[in-house]
Protein backbone atom coordinates (compact mmCIF):
# COMPACT_ATOMS: atom_id res chain seq x y z
CA UNK A 1 97.03 92.93 96.65
CA UNK A 2 98.68 95.71 98.60
CA UNK A 3 99.56 95.45 102.23
CA UNK A 4 99.75 98.62 104.20
CA UNK A 5 101.15 98.93 107.80
CA UNK A 6 100.91 102.09 109.71
CA UNK A 7 103.02 103.10 112.63
CA UNK A 8 103.86 106.14 114.63
CA UNK A 9 100.63 106.82 116.53
CA UNK A 10 100.49 107.54 120.16
CA UNK A 11 99.62 109.95 123.01
CA UNK A 12 100.84 113.54 122.75
CA UNK A 13 99.99 116.78 124.51
CA UNK A 14 98.26 119.72 122.70
CA UNK A 15 100.70 121.48 120.52
CA UNK A 16 103.03 118.43 120.17
CA UNK A 17 104.06 116.58 117.05
CA UNK A 18 103.89 113.03 115.70
CA UNK A 19 105.03 111.46 112.41
CA UNK A 20 102.96 108.69 111.04
CA UNK A 21 104.48 106.12 108.61
CA UNK A 22 102.74 103.75 106.26
CA UNK A 23 104.91 101.00 104.73
CA UNK A 24 103.62 99.31 101.56
CA UNK A 25 104.26 95.93 100.19
CA UNK A 26 102.82 93.68 97.59
CA UNK A 27 101.64 94.74 94.13
CA UNK A 28 102.27 98.38 94.49
CA UNK A 29 102.72 99.06 90.78
CA UNK A 30 100.49 101.77 89.16
CA UNK A 31 99.42 103.33 92.34
CA UNK A 32 97.58 106.52 91.51
CA UNK A 33 97.25 108.10 94.90
CA UNK A 34 98.12 107.54 98.41
CA UNK A 35 96.88 109.24 101.56
CA UNK A 36 95.74 109.47 105.09
CA UNK A 37 92.22 109.35 106.55
CA UNK A 38 91.13 109.50 110.10
CA UNK A 39 88.01 108.47 112.05
CA UNK A 40 87.06 109.82 115.43
CA UNK A 41 84.59 108.06 117.71
CA UNK A 42 80.98 108.48 116.45
CA UNK A 43 82.15 110.17 113.28
CA UNK A 44 82.64 109.24 109.65
CA UNK A 45 85.99 108.49 108.19
CA UNK A 46 87.38 111.71 106.60
CA UNK A 47 90.30 112.70 104.39
CA UNK A 48 93.23 114.18 106.10
CA UNK A 49 95.64 114.45 103.21
CA UNK A 50 96.52 112.65 100.01
CA UNK A 51 99.07 112.78 97.21
CA UNK A 52 98.79 111.73 93.61
CA UNK A 53 101.49 109.82 91.85
CA UNK A 54 102.81 113.07 90.24
CA UNK A 55 103.27 114.57 93.74
CA UNK A 56 100.35 116.90 94.01
CA UNK A 57 99.22 117.07 97.61
CA UNK A 58 95.77 117.81 98.93
CA UNK A 59 94.84 118.61 102.52
CA UNK A 60 91.73 118.93 104.56
CA UNK A 61 91.15 122.51 105.72
CA UNK A 62 91.30 121.54 109.21
CA UNK A 63 94.98 120.47 108.95
CA UNK A 64 96.37 122.89 106.44
CA UNK A 65 99.56 124.43 107.60
CA UNK A 66 99.92 121.99 110.30
CA UNK A 67 100.26 118.55 108.62
CA UNK A 68 102.54 117.45 105.67
CA UNK A 69 102.22 114.43 103.62
CA UNK A 70 105.42 113.02 101.98
CA UNK A 71 106.65 109.75 100.56
CA UNK A 72 109.83 107.91 100.00
CA UNK A 73 109.52 105.90 96.87
CA UNK A 74 112.69 103.83 97.54
CA UNK A 75 111.13 102.63 100.82
CA UNK A 76 107.59 102.40 99.49
CA UNK A 77 106.56 104.47 102.45
CA UNK A 78 104.23 107.49 102.88
CA UNK A 79 104.45 109.75 105.87
CA UNK A 80 102.26 112.20 107.61
CA UNK A 81 104.04 114.78 109.71
CA UNK A 82 101.58 116.21 112.25
CA UNK A 83 102.57 119.40 114.13
CA UNK A 84 100.62 121.73 116.38
CA UNK A 85 98.29 118.96 117.30
CA UNK A 86 94.94 119.75 118.84
CA UNK A 87 92.51 117.45 120.83
CA UNK A 88 90.23 117.44 117.86
CA UNK A 89 92.87 115.64 115.90
CA UNK A 90 92.32 112.64 118.15
CA UNK A 91 91.22 109.73 115.86
CA UNK A 92 92.38 106.45 114.36
CA UNK A 93 94.43 107.29 111.31
CA UNK A 94 94.27 105.05 108.24
CA UNK A 95 96.71 104.83 105.41
CA UNK A 96 95.10 104.46 101.91
CA UNK A 97 96.52 103.49 98.50
CA UNK A 98 94.43 103.70 95.37
CA UNK A 99 94.73 102.05 91.97
CA UNK A 100 92.12 103.84 89.87
CA UNK A 101 89.43 103.20 89.14
CA UNK A 102 88.65 100.01 91.06
CA UNK A 103 91.10 99.34 93.92
CA UNK A 104 91.37 100.86 97.25
CA UNK A 105 93.69 99.50 99.92
CA UNK A 106 93.52 100.39 103.64
CA UNK A 107 95.97 99.78 106.53
CA UNK A 108 94.80 98.58 109.96
CA UNK A 109 94.92 102.07 111.44
CA UNK A 110 96.93 103.70 114.13
CA UNK A 111 95.58 105.57 117.19
CA UNK A 112 96.49 109.15 117.68
CA UNK A 113 95.33 110.77 121.02
CA UNK A 114 95.95 114.47 121.68
CA UNK A 115 95.47 115.41 125.40
CA UNK A 116 94.34 118.91 126.39
């Protein structure tokens, strides 16, 4: 099992920045990918950014150039730096770790609210 705990969400004005953190514990061997998803009210959960074990990052078009995913292997932590935030970025953000092909782990989510 893998336990994921997100932190860093909050309320920010349009154009502001936040950094989300996801601390992992448990059986974190052989993790193939880690990433961030978000879910706004009334919408489906969507990929924001992810990173494979070899460091290749992938971003949703809506956040390219504004968000950056990174990781600290020594701390078993993955980050999402969010800059130039917009009201449409408002959502619950979830951390996700994957051990292919069968295991997907989710955090409890952290709320990000961007005021206009």
